[in-house]
Amino acid sequence: MKNKTCIDKKKRNSNIKFETKRCILKNFYKSSKISKTVSWNSNLKLSIKTNNSNQFVSRCVFSGQKKKINNLFHVSRLSFLKLARNGFINGIKKSTW
């Protein structure tokens, strides 16, 4: 499990510099104020796959699980319950009926 999280971290770190370029190209493509040729060229550059474009798996920070992830805290459901029970997450506590 730890090996897969390390691989995922390496992929994310190597792809950081390309993320800003992708965001700029997406904004050019979606903008209506820019000419059609510029938006078409930005769409063309977005569609070309580079070697550094990787699919990322969102994993839990603590356990490394890839299923049932809470996107707000980036932890799995079980880790979230443990943290909430112990009071490590401010404003959240386990409710009892």
PDB file of N, CA and C in Angstrom:
ATOM      1  N   MET A   1       0.821  -1.192   0.000  1.00  0.00           N
ATOM      2  CA  MET A   1       0.000   0.000   0.000  1.00  0.00           C
ATOM      3  C   MET A   1       0.867   1.259   0.000  1.00  0.00           C
ATOM      4  N   LYS A   2       1.948   1.234   0.787  1.00  0.00           N
ATOM      5  CA  LYS A   2       2.797   2.414   0.859  1.00  0.00           C
ATOM      6  C   LYS A   2       3.519   2.661  -0.459  1.00  0.00           C
ATOM      7  N   ASN A   3       3.846   1.581  -1.166  1.00  0.00           N
ATOM      8  CA  ASN A   3       4.540   1.717  -2.436  1.00  0.00           C
ATOM      9  C   ASN A   3       3.668   2.459  -3.441  1.00  0.00           C
ATOM     10  N   LYS A   4       2.379   2.145  -3.475  1.00  0.00           N
ATOM     11  CA  LYS A   4       1.481   2.796  -4.425  1.00  0.00           C
ATOM     12  C   LYS A   4       1.294   4.270  -4.083  1.00  0.00           C
ATOM     13  N   THR A   5       1.261   4.608  -2.803  1.00  0.00           N
ATOM     14  CA  THR A   5       1.136   6.018  -2.433  1.00  0.00           C
ATOM     15  C   THR A   5       2.395   6.782  -2.802  1.00  0.00           C
ATOM     16  N   CYS A   6       3.567   6.147  -2.663  1.00  0.00           N
ATOM     17  CA  CYS A   6       4.820   6.812  -3.056  1.00  0.00           C
ATOM     18  C   CYS A   6       4.857   7.050  -4.565  1.00  0.00           C
ATOM     19  N   ILE A   7       4.400   6.075  -5.341  1.00  0.00           N
ATOM     20  CA  ILE A   7       4.359   6.230  -6.799  1.00  0.00           C
ATOM     21  C   ILE A   7       3.409   7.358  -7.176  1.00  0.00           C
ATOM     22  N   ASP A   8       2.261   7.421  -6.490  1.00  0.00           N
ATOM     23  CA  ASP A   8       1.286   8.469  -6.774  1.00  0.00           C
ATOM     24  C   ASP A   8       1.849   9.849  -6.444  1.00  0.00           C
ATOM     25  N   LYS A   9       2.586   9.969  -5.353  1.00  0.00           N
ATOM     26  CA  LYS A   9       3.204  11.248  -4.986  1.00  0.00           C
ATOM     27  C   LYS A   9       4.242  11.682  -6.011  1.00  0.00           C
ATOM     28  N   LYS A  10       5.020  10.727  -6.517  1.00  0.00           N
ATOM     29  CA  LYS A  10       6.021  11.056  -7.534  1.00  0.00           C
ATOM     30  C   LYS A  10       5.357  11.549  -8.813  1.00  0.00           C
ATOM     31  N   LYS A  11       4.244  10.912  -9.201  1.00  0.00           N
ATOM     32  CA  LYS A  11       3.519  11.344 -10.396  1.00  0.00           C
ATOM     33  C   LYS A  11       2.988  12.756 -10.222  1.00  0.00           C
ATOM     34  N   ARG A  12       2.438  13.040  -9.043  1.00  0.00           N
ATOM     35  CA  ARG A  12       1.888  14.379  -8.797  1.00  0.00           C
ATOM     36  C   ARG A  12       2.983  15.442  -8.813  1.00  0.00           C
ATOM     37  N   ASN A  13       4.118  15.150  -8.203  1.00  0.00           N
ATOM     38  CA  ASN A  13       5.214  16.129  -8.169  1.00  0.00           C
ATOM     39  C   ASN A  13       5.794  16.387  -9.554  1.00  0.00           C
ATOM     40  N   SER A  14       5.867  15.352 -10.392  1.00  0.00           N
ATOM     41  CA  SER A  14       6.417  15.548 -11.723  1.00  0.00           C
ATOM     42  C   SER A  14       5.452  16.296 -12.631  1.00  0.00           C
ATOM     43  N   ASN A  15       4.191  16.304 -12.294  1.00  0.00           N
ATOM     44  CA  ASN A  15       3.185  16.899 -13.160  1.00  0.00           C
ATOM     45  C   ASN A  15       2.769  18.301 -12.723  1.00  0.00           C
ATOM     46  N   ILE A  16       3.379  18.839 -11.678  1.00  0.00           N
ATOM     47  CA  ILE A  16       2.973  20.150 -11.158  1.00  0.00           C
ATOM     48  C   ILE A  16       3.213  21.260 -12.173  1.00  0.00           C
ATOM     49  N   LYS A  17       4.354  21.233 -12.871  1.00  0.00           N
ATOM     50  CA  LYS A  17       4.659  22.319 -13.800  1.00  0.00           C
ATOM     51  C   LYS A  17       3.750  22.310 -15.019  1.00  0.00           C
ATOM     52  N   PHE A  18       3.195  21.153 -15.380  1.00  0.00           N
ATOM     53  CA  PHE A  18       2.311  21.080 -16.527  1.00  0.00           C
ATOM     54  C   PHE A  18       0.867  21.423 -16.163  1.00  0.00           C
ATOM     55  N   GLU A  19       0.569  21.412 -14.874  1.00  0.00           N
ATOM     56  CA  GLU A  19      -0.797  21.696 -14.435  1.00  0.00           C
ATOM     57  C   GLU A  19      -1.189  23.146 -14.717  1.00  0.00           C
ATOM     58  N   THR A  20      -0.289  24.085 -14.479  1.00  0.00           N
ATOM     59  CA  THR A  20      -0.613  25.491 -14.723  1.00  0.00           C
ATOM     60  C   THR A  20      -0.815  25.744 -16.213  1.00  0.00           C
ATOM     61  N   LYS A  21       0.015  25.115 -17.037  1.00  0.00           N
ATOM     62  CA  LYS A  21      -0.132  25.275 -18.480  1.00  0.00           C
ATOM     63  C   LYS A  21      -1.479  24.739 -18.945  1.00  0.00           C
ATOM     64  N   ARG A  22      -1.901  23.593 -18.407  1.00  0.00           N
ATOM     65  CA  ARG A  22      -3.201  23.027 -18.753  1.00  0.00           C
ATOM     66  C   ARG A  22      -4.342  23.931 -18.330  1.00  0.00           C
ATOM     67  N   CYS A  23      -4.227  24.528 -17.155  1.00  0.00           N
ATOM     68  CA  CYS A  23      -5.282  25.438 -16.676  1.00  0.00           C
ATOM     69  C   CYS A  23      -5.399  26.665 -17.579  1.00  0.00           C
ATOM     70  N   ILE A  24      -4.282  27.209 -18.012  1.00  0.00           N
ATOM     71  CA  ILE A  24      -4.307  28.372 -18.892  1.00  0.00           C
ATOM     72  C   ILE A  24      -4.940  28.020 -20.231  1.00  0.00           C
ATOM     73  N   LEU A  25      -4.559  26.865 -20.785  1.00  0.00           N
ATOM     74  CA  LEU A  25      -5.131  26.445 -22.067  1.00  0.00           C
ATOM     75  C   LEU A  25      -6.634  26.194 -21.954  1.00  0.00           C
ATOM     76  N   LYS A  26      -7.071  25.630 -20.825  1.00  0.00           N
ATOM     77  CA  LYS A  26      -8.512  25.412 -20.630  1.00  0.00           C
ATOM     78  C   LYS A  26      -9.265  26.730 -20.567  1.00  0.00           C
ATOM     79  N   ASN A  27      -8.678  27.710 -19.898  1.00  0.00           N
ATOM     80  CA  ASN A  27      -9.326  29.021 -19.824  1.00  0.00           C
ATOM     81  C   ASN A  27      -9.416  29.685 -21.187  1.00  0.00           C
ATOM     82  N   PHE A  28      -8.367  29.540 -21.996  1.00  0.00           N
ATOM     83  CA  PHE A  28      -8.422  30.068 -23.365  1.00  0.00           C
ATOM     84  C   PHE A  28      -9.515  29.387 -24.168  1.00  0.00           C
ATOM     85  N   TYR A  29      -9.642  28.088 -24.002  1.00  0.00           N
ATOM     86  CA  TYR A  29     -10.626  27.330 -24.771  1.00  0.00           C
ATOM     87  C   TYR A  29     -12.055  27.706 -24.372  1.00  0.00           C
ATOM     88  N   LYS A  30     -12.292  27.910 -23.078  1.00  0.00           N
ATOM     89  CA  LYS A  30     -13.642  28.181 -22.596  1.00  0.00           C
ATOM     90  C   LYS A  30     -14.054  29.644 -22.718  1.00  0.00           C
ATOM     91  N   SER A  31     -13.095  30.546 -22.898  1.00  0.00           N
ATOM     92  CA  SER A  31     -13.399  31.964 -22.938  1.00  0.00           C
ATOM     93  C   SER A  31     -14.090  32.330 -24.249  1.00  0.00           C
ATOM     94  N   SER A  32     -15.126  33.144 -24.144  1.00  0.00           N
ATOM     95  CA  SER A  32     -15.840  33.584 -25.339  1.00  0.00           C
ATOM     96  C   SER A  32     -15.274  34.900 -25.890  1.00  0.00           C
ATOM     97  N   LYS A  33     -14.416  35.572 -25.137  1.00  0.00           N
ATOM     98  CA  LYS A  33     -13.857  36.849 -25.574  1.00  0.00           C
ATOM     99  C   LYS A  33     -12.657  36.679 -26.506  1.00  0.00           C
ATOM    100  N   ILE A  34     -12.096  35.487 -26.548  1.00  0.00           N
ATOM    101  CA  ILE A  34     -10.911  35.230 -27.373  1.00  0.00           C
ATOM    102  C   ILE A  34     -11.362  34.729 -28.739  1.00  0.00           C
ATOM    103  N   SER A  35     -10.572  35.009 -29.749  1.00  0.00           N
ATOM    104  CA  SER A  35     -10.943  34.625 -31.111  1.00  0.00           C
ATOM    105  C   SER A  35     -11.024  33.102 -31.254  1.00  0.00           C
ATOM    106  N   LYS A  36     -11.726  32.683 -32.281  1.00  0.00           N
ATOM    107  CA  LYS A  36     -11.949  31.256 -32.512  1.00  0.00           C
ATOM    108  C   LYS A  36     -10.656  30.501 -32.803  1.00  0.00           C
ATOM    109  N   THR A  37      -9.727  31.136 -33.496  1.00  0.00           N
ATOM    110  CA  THR A  37      -8.491  30.437 -33.842  1.00  0.00           C
ATOM    111  C   THR A  37      -7.646  30.153 -32.602  1.00  0.00           C
ATOM    112  N   VAL A  38      -7.596  31.115 -31.687  1.00  0.00           N
ATOM    113  CA  VAL A  38      -6.823  30.921 -30.463  1.00  0.00           C
ATOM    114  C   VAL A  38      -7.460  29.821 -29.616  1.00  0.00           C
ATOM    115  N   SER A  39      -8.777  29.831 -29.490  1.00  0.00           N
ATOM    116  CA  SER A  39      -9.438  28.798 -28.693  1.00  0.00           C
ATOM    117  C   SER A  39      -9.304  27.432 -29.354  1.00  0.00           C
ATOM    118  N   TRP A  40      -9.350  27.398 -30.683  1.00  0.00           N
ATOM    119  CA  TRP A  40      -9.194  26.128 -31.371  1.00  0.00           C
ATOM    120  C   TRP A  40      -7.785  25.577 -31.191  1.00  0.00           C
ATOM    121  N   ASN A  41      -6.770  26.458 -31.288  1.00  0.00           N
ATOM    122  CA  ASN A  41      -5.384  26.028 -31.084  1.00  0.00           C
ATOM    123  C   ASN A  41      -5.144  25.555 -29.652  1.00  0.00           C
ATOM    124  N   SER A  42      -5.760  26.216 -28.680  1.00  0.00           N
ATOM    125  CA  SER A  42      -5.602  25.774 -27.297  1.00  0.00           C
ATOM    126  C   SER A  42      -6.269  24.415 -27.090  1.00  0.00           C
ATOM    127  N   ASN A  43      -7.407  24.195 -27.744  1.00  0.00           N
ATOM    128  CA  ASN A  43      -8.057  22.894 -27.662  1.00  0.00           C
ATOM    129  C   ASN A  43      -7.197  21.813 -28.312  1.00  0.00           C
ATOM    130  N   LEU A  44      -6.538  22.160 -29.385  1.00  0.00           N
ATOM    131  CA  LEU A  44      -5.657  21.219 -30.072  1.00  0.00           C
ATOM    132  C   LEU A  44      -4.471  20.835 -29.188  1.00  0.00           C
ATOM    133  N   LYS A  45      -3.892  21.823 -28.509  1.00  0.00           N
ATOM    134  CA  LYS A  45      -2.770  21.539 -27.611  1.00  0.00           C
ATOM    135  C   LYS A  45      -3.215  20.722 -26.407  1.00  0.00           C
ATOM    136  N   LEU A  46      -4.446  20.944 -25.950  1.00  0.00           N
ATOM    137  CA  LEU A  46      -4.964  20.151 -24.832  1.00  0.00           C
ATOM    138  C   LEU A  46      -5.188  18.697 -25.227  1.00  0.00           C
ATOM    139  N   SER A  47      -5.596  18.488 -26.475  1.00  0.00           N
ATOM    140  CA  SER A  47      -5.927  17.137 -26.896  1.00  0.00           C
ATOM    141  C   SER A  47      -4.698  16.282 -27.149  1.00  0.00           C
ATOM    142  N   ILE A  48      -3.556  16.919 -27.401  1.00  0.00           N
ATOM    143  CA  ILE A  48      -2.313  16.168 -27.621  1.00  0.00           C
ATOM    144  C   ILE A  48      -1.836  15.639 -26.277  1.00  0.00           C
ATOM    145  N   LYS A  49      -1.670  14.335 -26.204  1.00  0.00           N
ATOM    146  CA  LYS A  49      -1.221  13.734 -24.947  1.00  0.00           C
ATOM    147  C   LYS A  49       0.295  13.772 -24.887  1.00  0.00           C
ATOM    148  N   THR A  50       0.796  14.194 -23.746  1.00  0.00           N
ATOM    149  CA  THR A  50       2.233  14.194 -23.523  1.00  0.00           C
ATOM    150  C   THR A  50       2.598  13.021 -22.628  1.00  0.00           C
ATOM    151  N   ASN A  51       3.881  12.788 -22.486  1.00  0.00           N
ATOM    152  CA  ASN A  51       4.334  11.691 -21.641  1.00  0.00           C
ATOM    153  C   ASN A  51       4.080  11.980 -20.169  1.00  0.00           C
ATOM    154  N   ASN A  52       3.948  13.245 -19.826  1.00  0.00           N
ATOM    155  CA  ASN A  52       3.788  13.612 -18.425  1.00  0.00           C
ATOM    156  C   ASN A  52       2.330  13.703 -17.995  1.00  0.00           C
ATOM    157  N   SER A  53       1.396  13.431 -18.894  1.00  0.00           N
ATOM    158  CA  SER A  53      -0.007  13.483 -18.489  1.00  0.00           C
ATOM    159  C   SER A  53      -0.387  12.131 -17.906  1.00  0.00           C
ATOM    160  N   ASN A  54      -0.628  12.105 -16.622  1.00  0.00           N
ATOM    161  CA  ASN A  54      -0.934  10.867 -15.915  1.00  0.00           C
ATOM    162  C   ASN A  54      -2.283  10.971 -15.249  1.00  0.00           C
ATOM    163  N   GLN A  55      -2.931   9.850 -15.120  1.00  0.00           N
ATOM    164  CA  GLN A  55      -4.166   9.781 -14.354  1.00  0.00           C
ATOM    165  C   GLN A  55      -3.792   9.574 -12.890  1.00  0.00           C
ATOM    166  N   PHE A  56      -4.355  10.384 -12.022  1.00  0.00           N
ATOM    167  CA  PHE A  56      -4.060  10.262 -10.611  1.00  0.00           C
ATOM    168  C   PHE A  56      -5.197   9.559  -9.905  1.00  0.00           C
ATOM    169  N   VAL A  57      -4.838   8.816  -8.883  1.00  0.00           N
ATOM    170  CA  VAL A  57      -5.808   8.156  -8.046  1.00  0.00           C
ATOM    171  C   VAL A  57      -5.812   8.896  -6.724  1.00  0.00           C
ATOM    172  N   SER A  58      -6.978   9.349  -6.295  1.00  0.00           N
ATOM    173  CA  SER A  58      -7.035  10.025  -5.008  1.00  0.00           C
ATOM    174  C   SER A  58      -7.001   8.962  -3.918  1.00  0.00           C
ATOM    175  N   ARG A  59      -6.000   9.062  -3.070  1.00  0.00           N
ATOM    176  CA  ARG A  59      -5.800   8.081  -2.013  1.00  0.00           C
ATOM    177  C   ARG A  59      -5.886   8.753  -0.653  1.00  0.00           C
ATOM    178  N   CYS A  60      -6.209   7.936   0.333  1.00  0.00           N
ATOM    179  CA  CYS A  60      -6.267   8.409   1.709  1.00  0.00           C
ATOM    180  C   CYS A  60      -4.860   8.758   2.178  1.00  0.00           C
ATOM    181  N   VAL A  61      -4.737   9.831   2.940  1.00  0.00           N
ATOM    182  CA  VAL A  61      -3.446  10.277   3.429  1.00  0.00           C
ATOM    183  C   VAL A  61      -2.895   9.298   4.460  1.00  0.00           C
ATOM    184  N   PHE A  62      -3.765   8.729   5.262  1.00  0.00           N
ATOM    185  CA  PHE A  62      -3.324   7.869   6.354  1.00  0.00           C
ATOM    186  C   PHE A  62      -3.219   6.400   5.969  1.00  0.00           C
ATOM    187  N   SER A  63      -4.268   5.858   5.334  1.00  0.00           N
ATOM    188  CA  SER A  63      -4.294   4.421   5.067  1.00  0.00           C
ATOM    189  C   SER A  63      -3.912   4.059   3.640  1.00  0.00           C
ATOM    190  N   GLY A  64      -3.997   4.982   2.700  1.00  0.00           N
ATOM    191  CA  GLY A  64      -3.644   4.701   1.324  1.00  0.00           C
ATOM    192  C   GLY A  64      -4.754   4.063   0.515  1.00  0.00           C
ATOM    193  N   GLN A  65      -5.968   3.966   1.067  1.00  0.00           N
ATOM    194  CA  GLN A  65      -7.084   3.392   0.323  1.00  0.00           C
ATOM    195  C   GLN A  65      -7.485   4.323  -0.812  1.00  0.00           C
ATOM    196  N   LYS A  66      -7.996   3.725  -1.898  1.00  0.00           N
ATOM    197  CA  LYS A  66      -8.426   4.561  -3.011  1.00  0.00           C
ATOM    198  C   LYS A  66      -9.930   4.605  -3.163  1.00  0.00           C
ATOM    199  N   LYS A  67     -10.657   3.886  -2.344  1.00  0.00           N
ATOM    200  CA  LYS A  67     -12.118   3.900  -2.404  1.00  0.00           C
ATOM    201  C   LYS A  67     -12.676   4.627  -1.192  1.00  0.00           C
ATOM    202  N   LYS A  68     -13.859   5.189  -1.375  1.00  0.00           N
ATOM    203  CA  LYS A  68     -14.597   5.870  -0.302  1.00  0.00           C
ATOM    204  C   LYS A  68     -13.772   6.977   0.334  1.00  0.00           C
ATOM    205  N   ILE A  69     -13.313   7.901  -0.503  1.00  0.00           N
ATOM    206  CA  ILE A  69     -12.485   9.022  -0.054  1.00  0.00           C
ATOM    207  C   ILE A  69     -13.361  10.250   0.156  1.00  0.00           C
ATOM    208  N   ASN A  70     -13.180  10.918   1.278  1.00  0.00           N
ATOM    209  CA  ASN A  70     -13.828  12.189   1.545  1.00  0.00           C
ATOM    210  C   ASN A  70     -12.962  13.274   0.911  1.00  0.00           C
ATOM    211  N   ASN A  71     -13.457  13.921  -0.134  1.00  0.00           N
ATOM    212  CA  ASN A  71     -12.639  14.861  -0.896  1.00  0.00           C
ATOM    213  C   ASN A  71     -12.302  16.127  -0.127  1.00  0.00           C
ATOM    214  N   LEU A  72     -13.105  16.465   0.875  1.00  0.00           N
ATOM    215  CA  LEU A  72     -12.833  17.665   1.646  1.00  0.00           C
ATOM    216  C   LEU A  72     -11.600  17.492   2.532  1.00  0.00           C
ATOM    217  N   PHE A  73     -11.452  16.309   3.123  1.00  0.00           N
ATOM    218  CA  PHE A  73     -10.340  16.061   4.043  1.00  0.00           C
ATOM    219  C   PHE A  73      -9.268  15.148   3.468  1.00  0.00           C
ATOM    220  N   HIS A  74      -9.507  14.521   2.309  1.00  0.00           N
ATOM    221  CA  HIS A  74      -8.580  13.594   1.651  1.00  0.00           C
ATOM    222  C   HIS A  74      -8.232  12.403   2.537  1.00  0.00           C
ATOM    223  N   VAL A  75      -9.215  11.898   3.241  1.00  0.00           N
ATOM    224  CA  VAL A  75      -9.038  10.691   4.039  1.00  0.00           C
ATOM    225  C   VAL A  75     -10.174   9.727   3.726  1.00  0.00           C
ATOM    226  N   SER A  76      -9.953   8.457   4.021  1.00  0.00           N
ATOM    227  CA  SER A  76     -10.988   7.464   3.771  1.00  0.00           C
ATOM    228  C   SER A  76     -12.062   7.556   4.847  1.00  0.00           C
ATOM    229  N   ARG A  77     -13.128   6.827   4.621  1.00  0.00           N
ATOM    230  CA  ARG A  77     -14.262   6.865   5.533  1.00  0.00           C
ATOM    231  C   ARG A  77     -13.875   6.362   6.918  1.00  0.00           C
ATOM    232  N   LEU A  78     -13.098   5.281   6.976  1.00  0.00           N
ATOM    233  CA  LEU A  78     -12.713   4.710   8.262  1.00  0.00           C
ATOM    234  C   LEU A  78     -11.738   5.616   9.018  1.00  0.00           C
ATOM    235  N   SER A  79     -10.801   6.203   8.301  1.00  0.00           N
ATOM    236  CA  SER A  79      -9.866   7.127   8.944  1.00  0.00           C
ATOM    237  C   SER A  79     -10.583   8.371   9.441  1.00  0.00           C
ATOM    238  N   PHE A  80     -11.573   8.821   8.670  1.00  0.00           N
ATOM    239  CA  PHE A  80     -12.354   9.987   9.074  1.00  0.00           C
ATOM    240  C   PHE A  80     -13.109   9.704  10.374  1.00  0.00           C
ATOM    241  N   LEU A  81     -13.696   8.504  10.475  1.00  0.00           N
ATOM    242  CA  LEU A  81     -14.415   8.146  11.705  1.00  0.00           C
ATOM    243  C   LEU A  81     -13.476   8.083  12.902  1.00  0.00           C
ATOM    244  N   LYS A  82     -12.286   7.526  12.711  1.00  0.00           N
ATOM    245  CA  LYS A  82     -11.322   7.461  13.814  1.00  0.00           C
ATOM    246  C   LYS A  82     -10.903   8.855  14.267  1.00  0.00           C
ATOM    247  N   LEU A  83     -10.646   9.727  13.312  1.00  0.00           N
ATOM    248  CA  LEU A  83     -10.241  11.097  13.659  1.00  0.00           C
ATOM    249  C   LEU A  83     -11.373  11.864  14.340  1.00  0.00           C
ATOM    250  N   ALA A  84     -12.604  11.641  13.870  1.00  0.00           N
ATOM    251  CA  ALA A  84     -13.747  12.335  14.465  1.00  0.00           C
ATOM    252  C   ALA A  84     -14.009  11.845  15.888  1.00  0.00           C
ATOM    253  N   ARG A  85     -13.867  10.552  16.111  1.00  0.00           N
ATOM    254  CA  ARG A  85     -14.085  10.004  17.461  1.00  0.00           C
ATOM    255  C   ARG A  85     -13.060  10.523  18.450  1.00  0.00           C
ATOM    256  N   ASN A  86     -11.823  10.655  18.004  1.00  0.00           N
ATOM    257  CA  ASN A  86     -10.767  11.114  18.903  1.00  0.00           C
ATOM    258  C   ASN A  86     -10.728  12.638  19.040  1.00  0.00           C
ATOM    259  N   GLY A  87     -11.532  13.353  18.235  1.00  0.00           N
ATOM    260  CA  GLY A  87     -11.633  14.795  18.358  1.00  0.00           C
ATOM    261  C   GLY A  87     -10.540  15.568  17.651  1.00  0.00           C
ATOM    262  N   PHE A  88      -9.897  14.964  16.655  1.00  0.00           N
ATOM    263  CA  PHE A  88      -8.826  15.645  15.935  1.00  0.00           C
ATOM    264  C   PHE A  88      -9.349  16.575  14.846  1.00  0.00           C
ATOM    265  N   ILE A  89     -10.605  16.427  14.441  1.00  0.00           N
ATOM    266  CA  ILE A  89     -11.199  17.295  13.437  1.00  0.00           C
ATOM    267  C   ILE A  89     -12.095  18.281  14.164  1.00  0.00           C
ATOM    268  N   ASN A  90     -11.794  19.563  14.049  1.00  0.00           N
ATOM    269  CA  ASN A  90     -12.545  20.583  14.778  1.00  0.00           C
ATOM    270  C   ASN A  90     -13.963  20.696  14.248  1.00  0.00           C
ATOM    271  N   GLY A  91     -14.920  20.796  15.139  1.00  0.00           N
ATOM    272  CA  GLY A  91     -16.307  21.006  14.774  1.00  0.00           C
ATOM    273  C   GLY A  91     -17.062  19.743  14.423  1.00  0.00           C
ATOM    274  N   ILE A  92     -16.425  18.599  14.462  1.00  0.00           N
ATOM    275  CA  ILE A  92     -17.103  17.352  14.123  1.00  0.00           C
ATOM    276  C   ILE A  92     -16.934  16.396  15.296  1.00  0.00           C
ATOM    277  N   LYS A  93     -18.046  15.850  15.732  1.00  0.00           N
ATOM    278  CA  LYS A  93     -17.990  14.813  16.751  1.00  0.00           C
ATOM    279  C   LYS A  93     -19.029  13.769  16.433  1.00  0.00           C
ATOM    280  N   LYS A  94     -18.819  12.577  16.929  1.00  0.00           N
ATOM    281  CA  LYS A  94     -19.718  11.480  16.644  1.00  0.00           C
ATOM    282  C   LYS A  94     -21.025  11.719  17.393  1.00  0.00           C
ATOM    283  N   SER A  95     -22.109  11.662  16.659  1.00  0.00           N
ATOM    284  CA  SER A  95     -23.400  11.889  17.299  1.00  0.00           C
ATOM    285  C   SER A  95     -23.972  10.563  17.801  1.00  0.00           C
ATOM    286  N   THR A  96     -24.646  10.615  18.923  1.00  0.00           N
ATOM    287  CA  THR A  96     -25.316   9.439  19.454  1.00  0.00           C
ATOM    288  C   THR A  96     -26.788   9.753  19.624  1.00  0.00           C
ATOM    289  N   TRP A  97     -27.611   8.778  19.348  1.00  0.00           N
ATOM    290  CA  TRP A  97     -29.045   8.967  19.423  1.00  0.00           C
ATOM    291  C   TRP A  97     -29.606   8.354  20.671  1.00  0.00           C
TER     292      TRP A  97
END
